[in-house]
Amino acid sequence: MDGALLVIAANEKCPQPQTREHLTAIEIMGIKNIIVIQNKIDLVTRERAIESYREIKDFLKGSIAENAPVIPVSAYHNKNIDKVFEAIEEYIPTPTRDKKSDPLMYIARSFDVNKPGATPESLKGGVLGGSLVRGVLNIGDEIEITPGIQQTKGNKNVWENVTTEITSLMAGSNSYDTIVPGGLSAVGTKLDPFLTKNDLLTGRILGKVGKVPPMAMNVEVETHLLNRVVGFEDEMRVEPIKSREYLMLTFGTSNTLGMATTVKDGTAEITLRYPVAVQSNERIAIGRKITNRWRLIGYGNVISFS
């Protein structure tokens, strides 16, 4: 992500637990270009709007967003939206895109776009949606998807990458012959739509054949835990990770459960329930189940994987 809009409602006391969680996520991801949107300004008095602004500034003090502009907005009445666009242009500059490296796309959605009752002759292949972070993709390119799909061979369950061909490219409501990094795109393929329906391929990585990141079932990470659990009204300290504890890990767009097998000196070796495509030194989010919900407790940098 090139930047972030942190949206805070003026008619609620700041910070709400979810707002703390959003700001923590922004800090973990290392996003520095931030704009704060003070929304629902139409629902409060002038005095409450000023009080809300002060609450927001106090909350942001000492954080990565301390100097971010705060823009009062009424989205319902379309007020100050032009100022948001101006701020995006000023505070979130478009970076130089890497178009020369091998393409890499994080798959956030997958679809079957065929309507019920479609004839076999009219069927369209599965569609993959997500963010191309480097390289370019062209119609006709042969692509590989990892970790792919689970297969049964003999008495074993194995994961195999999937290869296919790009048949269409969309960004917004427009079709293209080529797409480049920046924003979200939809990639039409020759995949059986059964494989892509209901987001079945969410969390995978797409790239040129033979150029995708390796698949891993075990990772060693350097852990960085937060001082307190986010998402709670009350203060709750983050306890150290324990051996044999189950954690929720987020690699790019992939969420997978893992068990910490060895924990020592700020590192943890974790065995995953499902494979992920991993890159060296990748930053991942770490969650712990607290009161029947997965809560963000920190992040980790991948040291090694297998």
Protein backbone atom coordinates (compact mmCIF):
# COMPACT_ATOMS: atom_id res chain seq x y z
CA MET A 1 0.00 0.00 0.00
CA ASP A 2 1.21 3.47 -0.89
CA GLY A 3 -0.76 5.19 1.86
CA ALA A 4 -3.74 4.91 4.17
CA LEU A 5 -6.91 6.80 5.08
CA LEU A 6 -7.65 6.38 8.79
CA VAL A 7 -11.40 6.99 9.17
CA ILE A 8 -12.66 8.10 12.59
CA ALA A 9 -16.32 8.89 13.37
CA ALA A 10 -16.89 12.29 14.99
CA ASN A 11 -20.02 11.07 16.81
CA GLU A 12 -18.08 8.48 18.84
CA LYS A 13 -15.43 8.99 21.50
CA CYS A 14 -11.94 8.50 20.10
CA PRO A 15 -10.27 6.08 20.19
CA GLN A 16 -12.62 3.16 19.69
CA PRO A 17 -11.04 -0.33 19.98
CA GLN A 18 -11.28 -0.80 16.21
CA THR A 19 -9.51 2.54 15.63
CA ARG A 20 -6.61 1.40 17.82
CA GLU A 21 -6.47 -1.81 15.80
CA HIS A 22 -6.42 0.06 12.49
CA LEU A 23 -3.62 2.39 13.61
CA THR A 24 -1.61 -0.56 14.92
CA ALA A 25 -2.04 -2.35 11.59
CA ILE A 26 -0.80 0.76 9.75
CA GLU A 27 2.27 0.93 12.02
CA ILE A 28 3.01 -2.78 11.61
CA MET A 29 2.84 -2.44 7.82
CA GLY A 30 5.18 0.55 7.94
CA ILE A 31 2.81 2.86 6.04
CA LYS A 32 4.02 6.43 6.52
CA ASN A 33 1.76 8.40 4.16
CA ILE A 34 -1.43 8.78 6.21
CA ILE A 35 -4.51 11.01 6.05
CA VAL A 36 -7.05 11.06 8.90
CA ILE A 37 -10.71 11.41 7.94
CA GLN A 38 -12.96 12.83 10.69
CA ASN A 39 -16.22 11.49 9.25
CA LYS A 40 -19.92 11.96 10.19
CA ILE A 41 -19.32 15.63 10.95
CA ASP A 42 -22.96 16.27 9.99
CA LEU A 43 -24.20 14.28 12.99
CA VAL A 44 -22.59 16.43 15.70
CA THR A 45 -22.59 19.99 16.98
CA ARG A 46 -19.75 22.41 16.30
CA GLU A 47 -18.58 21.99 19.90
CA ARG A 48 -18.54 18.20 19.63
CA ALA A 49 -16.66 18.40 16.32
CA ILE A 50 -13.92 20.46 17.99
CA GLU A 51 -13.83 18.09 20.96
CA SER A 52 -13.59 15.11 18.57
CA TYR A 53 -10.69 16.79 16.74
CA ARG A 54 -8.82 17.21 20.03
CA GLU A 55 -9.47 13.56 20.95
CA ILE A 56 -8.07 12.48 17.57
CA LYS A 57 -4.92 14.61 17.95
CA ASP A 58 -4.34 13.30 21.49
CA PHE A 59 -4.78 9.72 20.28
CA LEU A 60 -2.32 10.16 17.41
CA LYS A 61 0.37 11.83 19.58
CA GLY A 62 3.58 9.81 19.48
CA SER A 63 2.30 7.51 16.71
CA ILE A 64 3.30 7.16 13.06
CA ALA A 65 0.29 9.39 12.20
CA GLU A 66 1.07 12.20 14.66
CA ASN A 67 1.60 14.78 11.90
CA ALA A 68 -1.05 13.46 9.52
CA PRO A 69 -3.67 16.00 8.34
CA VAL A 70 -7.14 15.63 9.87
CA ILE A 71 -9.94 16.43 7.41
CA PRO A 72 -13.54 16.87 8.62
CA VAL A 73 -15.89 15.13 6.21
CA SER A 74 -19.58 14.40 5.70
CA ALA A 75 -19.55 11.48 3.31
CA TYR A 76 -23.36 11.35 3.35
CA HIS A 77 -23.64 14.95 2.12
CA ASN A 78 -20.50 14.72 -0.09
CA LYS A 79 -18.82 17.55 1.84
CA ASN A 80 -15.03 18.01 1.81
CA ILE A 81 -14.50 14.95 -0.41
CA ASP A 82 -12.63 17.30 -2.79
CA LYS A 83 -10.29 18.14 0.09
CA VAL A 84 -9.64 14.43 0.63
CA PHE A 85 -8.58 14.07 -3.01
CA GLU A 86 -6.32 17.13 -2.70
CA ALA A 87 -4.71 15.61 0.41
CA ILE A 88 -4.19 12.26 -1.34
CA GLU A 89 -2.34 14.07 -4.13
CA GLU A 90 -0.22 16.02 -1.62
CA TYR A 91 0.48 13.43 1.09
CA ILE A 92 0.38 10.11 -0.79
CA PRO A 93 2.65 10.59 -3.83
CA THR A 94 2.55 7.92 -6.52
CA PRO A 95 5.79 5.90 -6.17
CA THR A 96 7.95 4.67 -9.01
CA ARG A 97 6.55 1.27 -9.99
CA ASP A 98 8.76 -1.76 -10.59
CA LYS A 99 7.74 -2.91 -14.08
CA LYS A 100 10.91 -4.81 -14.95
CA SER A 101 10.94 -7.57 -12.32
CA ASP A 102 9.03 -10.83 -12.67
CA PRO A 103 5.34 -10.13 -11.94
CA LEU A 104 3.96 -10.87 -8.50
CA MET A 105 0.29 -10.52 -7.59
CA TYR A 106 -1.41 -11.14 -4.24
CA ILE A 107 -4.79 -12.77 -4.82
CA ALA A 108 -7.43 -11.21 -2.55
CA ARG A 109 -10.56 -12.54 -4.29
CA SER A 110 -11.52 -15.26 -6.76
CA PHE A 111 -14.78 -15.55 -8.68
CA ASP A 112 -16.99 -17.66 -10.90
CA VAL A 113 -18.55 -14.98 -13.13
CA ASN A 114 -20.91 -17.37 -14.94
CA LYS A 115 -24.63 -16.97 -14.29
CA PRO A 116 -26.81 -19.96 -13.37
CA GLY A 117 -28.04 -21.72 -16.47
CA ALA A 118 -25.10 -20.71 -18.67
CA THR A 119 -24.51 -23.12 -21.53
CA PRO A 120 -21.20 -25.01 -21.77
CA GLU A 121 -20.30 -23.04 -24.92
CA SER A 122 -20.70 -19.70 -23.11
CA LEU A 123 -18.81 -20.59 -19.91
CA LYS A 124 -16.01 -18.22 -18.92
CA GLY A 125 -12.89 -19.24 -16.99
CA GLY A 126 -12.28 -18.31 -13.35
CA VAL A 127 -11.36 -14.74 -12.41
CA LEU A 128 -8.69 -13.71 -9.87
CA GLY A 129 -8.71 -10.31 -8.16
CA GLY A 130 -5.93 -8.63 -6.25
CA SER A 131 -2.92 -6.32 -6.28
CA LEU A 132 -0.05 -6.60 -8.73
CA VAL A 133 2.93 -5.37 -6.70
CA ARG A 134 5.63 -5.63 -9.35
CA GLY A 135 6.17 -6.46 -13.01
CA VAL A 136 3.48 -6.42 -15.71
CA LEU A 137 0.84 -8.92 -16.84
CA ASN A 138 -0.36 -9.30 -20.42
CA ILE A 139 -3.24 -11.13 -22.05
CA GLY A 140 -1.88 -14.47 -23.25
CA ASP A 141 0.74 -14.79 -20.49
CA GLU A 142 1.20 -18.25 -18.96
CA ILE A 143 0.92 -17.88 -15.18
CA GLU A 144 1.41 -20.05 -12.10
CA ILE A 145 -0.58 -19.89 -8.86
CA THR A 146 0.90 -21.00 -5.54
CA PRO A 147 0.16 -22.80 -3.16
CA GLY A 148 -2.33 -24.02 -5.73
CA ILE A 149 -4.81 -26.76 -4.78
CA GLN A 150 -4.77 -29.82 -2.54
CA GLN A 151 -4.60 -33.19 -4.29
CA THR A 152 -4.70 -36.75 -2.99
CA LYS A 153 -1.94 -38.99 -4.32
CA GLY A 154 -1.88 -42.49 -2.96
CA ASN A 155 -2.43 -42.09 0.78
CA LYS A 156 -1.01 -38.56 0.90
CA ASN A 157 -2.51 -35.10 0.59
CA VAL A 158 -0.20 -32.87 -1.43
CA TRP A 159 -0.41 -29.28 -2.63
CA GLU A 160 0.32 -28.60 -6.29
CA ASN A 161 0.69 -25.28 -8.05
CA VAL A 162 -1.76 -24.47 -10.82
CA THR A 163 -0.81 -23.11 -14.25
CA THR A 164 -3.14 -21.36 -16.67
CA GLU A 165 -3.32 -18.60 -19.30
CA ILE A 166 -4.54 -15.01 -18.95
CA THR A 167 -7.59 -14.34 -21.16
CA SER A 168 -8.62 -10.87 -19.95
CA LEU A 169 -7.46 -8.02 -17.71
CA MET A 170 -9.69 -5.48 -15.94
CA ALA A 171 -9.07 -2.51 -13.64
CA GLY A 172 -12.12 -0.62 -12.46
CA SER A 173 -14.68 -1.01 -15.23
CA ASN A 174 -12.12 -0.90 -18.05
CA SER A 175 -10.45 -3.71 -20.01
CA TYR A 176 -6.73 -3.68 -20.80
CA ASP A 177 -4.20 -5.70 -22.78
CA THR A 178 -1.58 -5.04 -20.06
CA ILE A 179 -1.77 -4.12 -16.37
CA VAL A 180 0.93 -2.55 -14.18
CA PRO A 181 1.29 -2.20 -10.39
CA GLY A 182 -1.05 0.14 -8.55
CA GLY A 183 -4.61 -0.48 -7.37
CA LEU A 184 -6.70 -3.61 -7.75
CA SER A 185 -7.06 -5.66 -10.92
CA ALA A 186 -9.09 -8.63 -12.13
CA VAL A 187 -7.35 -11.36 -14.14
CA GLY A 188 -9.52 -13.59 -16.32
CA THR A 189 -8.09 -17.09 -16.86
CA LYS A 190 -8.77 -20.47 -18.44
CA LEU A 191 -9.18 -22.05 -14.99
CA ASP A 192 -12.22 -24.21 -14.31
CA PRO A 193 -14.55 -21.71 -12.54
CA PHE A 194 -15.20 -24.40 -9.92
CA LEU A 195 -11.66 -23.72 -8.63
CA THR A 196 -12.23 -19.97 -8.22
CA LYS A 197 -15.81 -19.73 -6.93
CA ASN A 198 -16.51 -18.32 -3.45
CA ASP A 199 -12.94 -16.98 -3.04
CA LEU A 200 -11.43 -20.49 -3.01
CA LEU A 201 -8.09 -19.17 -4.30
CA THR A 202 -7.88 -16.18 -1.95
CA GLY A 203 -4.48 -15.95 -0.25
CA ARG A 204 -2.50 -17.35 -3.16
CA ILE A 205 0.24 -15.63 -5.14
CA LEU A 206 0.26 -15.34 -8.93
CA GLY A 207 3.33 -15.01 -11.12
CA LYS A 208 5.05 -16.22 -14.28
CA VAL A 209 5.50 -19.97 -14.55
CA GLY A 210 8.56 -21.04 -12.53
CA LYS A 211 8.97 -17.56 -11.00
CA VAL A 212 6.60 -17.72 -8.01
CA PRO A 213 7.81 -17.76 -4.37
CA PRO A 214 8.38 -21.19 -2.78
CA MET A 215 5.71 -22.97 -0.73
CA ALA A 216 6.34 -23.58 2.98
CA MET A 217 4.78 -25.53 5.85
CA ASN A 218 7.32 -24.42 8.49
CA VAL A 219 8.59 -20.91 9.21
CA GLU A 220 11.00 -19.35 11.66
CA VAL A 221 10.13 -15.75 12.49
CA GLU A 222 11.70 -12.95 14.49
CA THR A 223 8.78 -11.85 16.70
CA HIS A 224 7.87 -8.31 17.70
CA LEU A 225 4.99 -8.30 20.19
CA LEU A 226 2.85 -5.29 21.02
CA ASN A 227 2.67 -3.99 24.58
CA ARG A 228 -1.06 -4.56 24.72
CA VAL A 229 -3.77 -6.41 22.83
CA VAL A 230 -5.63 -4.25 20.31
CA GLY A 231 -9.37 -4.44 19.77
CA PHE A 232 -10.28 -4.22 23.48
CA GLU A 233 -11.80 -1.37 25.49
CA ASP A 234 -9.74 -2.44 28.51
CA GLU A 235 -5.98 -2.57 28.75
CA MET A 236 -4.67 -6.12 28.31
CA ARG A 237 -0.97 -6.85 28.17
CA VAL A 238 0.38 -9.16 25.50
CA GLU A 239 1.82 -12.27 27.12
CA PRO A 240 4.88 -13.91 25.50
CA ILE A 241 4.26 -16.60 22.89
CA LYS A 242 4.32 -20.06 24.44
CA SER A 243 5.52 -23.36 23.01
CA ARG A 244 2.67 -25.41 21.46
CA GLU A 245 0.45 -22.33 21.29
CA TYR A 246 -1.74 -21.88 18.22
CA LEU A 247 -1.44 -18.57 16.39
CA MET A 248 -3.14 -16.96 13.39
CA LEU A 249 -0.57 -15.75 10.86
CA THR A 250 -1.19 -13.44 7.92
CA PHE A 251 1.15 -13.69 4.92
CA GLY A 252 0.07 -11.10 2.36
CA THR A 253 -3.60 -11.97 1.68
CA SER A 254 -3.32 -15.44 3.24
CA ASN A 255 -4.47 -16.29 6.78
CA THR A 256 -3.34 -19.63 8.17
CA LEU A 257 -3.24 -21.32 11.56
CA GLY A 258 0.12 -22.36 12.97
CA MET A 259 1.51 -23.95 16.13
CA ALA A 260 4.63 -22.55 17.78
CA THR A 261 6.93 -25.55 18.21
CA THR A 262 10.02 -23.75 19.55
CA VAL A 263 10.10 -20.30 21.18
CA LYS A 264 13.32 -18.61 22.32
CA ASP A 265 15.16 -15.27 22.34
CA GLY A 266 12.55 -13.31 20.36
CA THR A 267 12.12 -15.99 17.68
CA ALA A 268 9.53 -18.68 17.10
CA GLU A 269 9.48 -21.76 14.89
CA ILE A 270 5.94 -22.35 13.68
CA THR A 271 4.39 -25.33 11.89
CA LEU A 272 1.52 -24.27 9.64
CA ARG A 273 -1.76 -26.10 9.14
CA TYR A 274 -1.91 -25.04 5.48
CA PRO A 275 1.00 -24.09 3.21
CA VAL A 276 1.76 -20.51 2.22
CA ALA A 277 3.94 -18.88 -0.42
CA VAL A 278 6.76 -17.20 1.50
CA GLN A 279 9.48 -14.68 0.71
CA SER A 280 12.62 -14.09 2.79
CA ASN A 281 12.30 -11.31 5.38
CA GLU A 282 8.58 -11.03 4.67
CA ARG A 283 6.66 -9.21 7.40
CA ILE A 284 3.66 -11.12 8.74
CA ALA A 285 0.92 -10.32 11.27
CA ILE A 286 0.53 -12.49 14.38
CA GLY A 287 -2.82 -13.04 16.09
CA ARG A 288 -3.87 -14.88 19.26
CA LYS A 289 -7.33 -16.19 20.18
CA ILE A 290 -8.66 -14.15 23.09
CA THR A 291 -12.31 -14.34 24.23
CA ASN A 292 -13.20 -16.39 21.15
CA ARG A 293 -11.77 -13.88 18.67
CA TRP A 294 -8.41 -13.64 16.94
CA ARG A 295 -6.70 -10.49 18.19
CA LEU A 296 -3.62 -8.82 16.75
CA ILE A 297 -0.70 -9.20 19.18
CA GLY A 298 2.31 -8.34 17.03
CA TYR A 299 4.24 -9.02 13.85
CA GLY A 300 7.15 -11.11 12.71
CA ASN A 301 9.88 -11.08 10.07
CA VAL A 302 10.45 -14.39 8.30
CA ILE A 303 14.01 -15.64 8.94
CA SER A 304 13.78 -19.03 7.24
CA PHE A 305 11.18 -21.47 5.91
CA SER A 306 10.81 -25.00 4.59
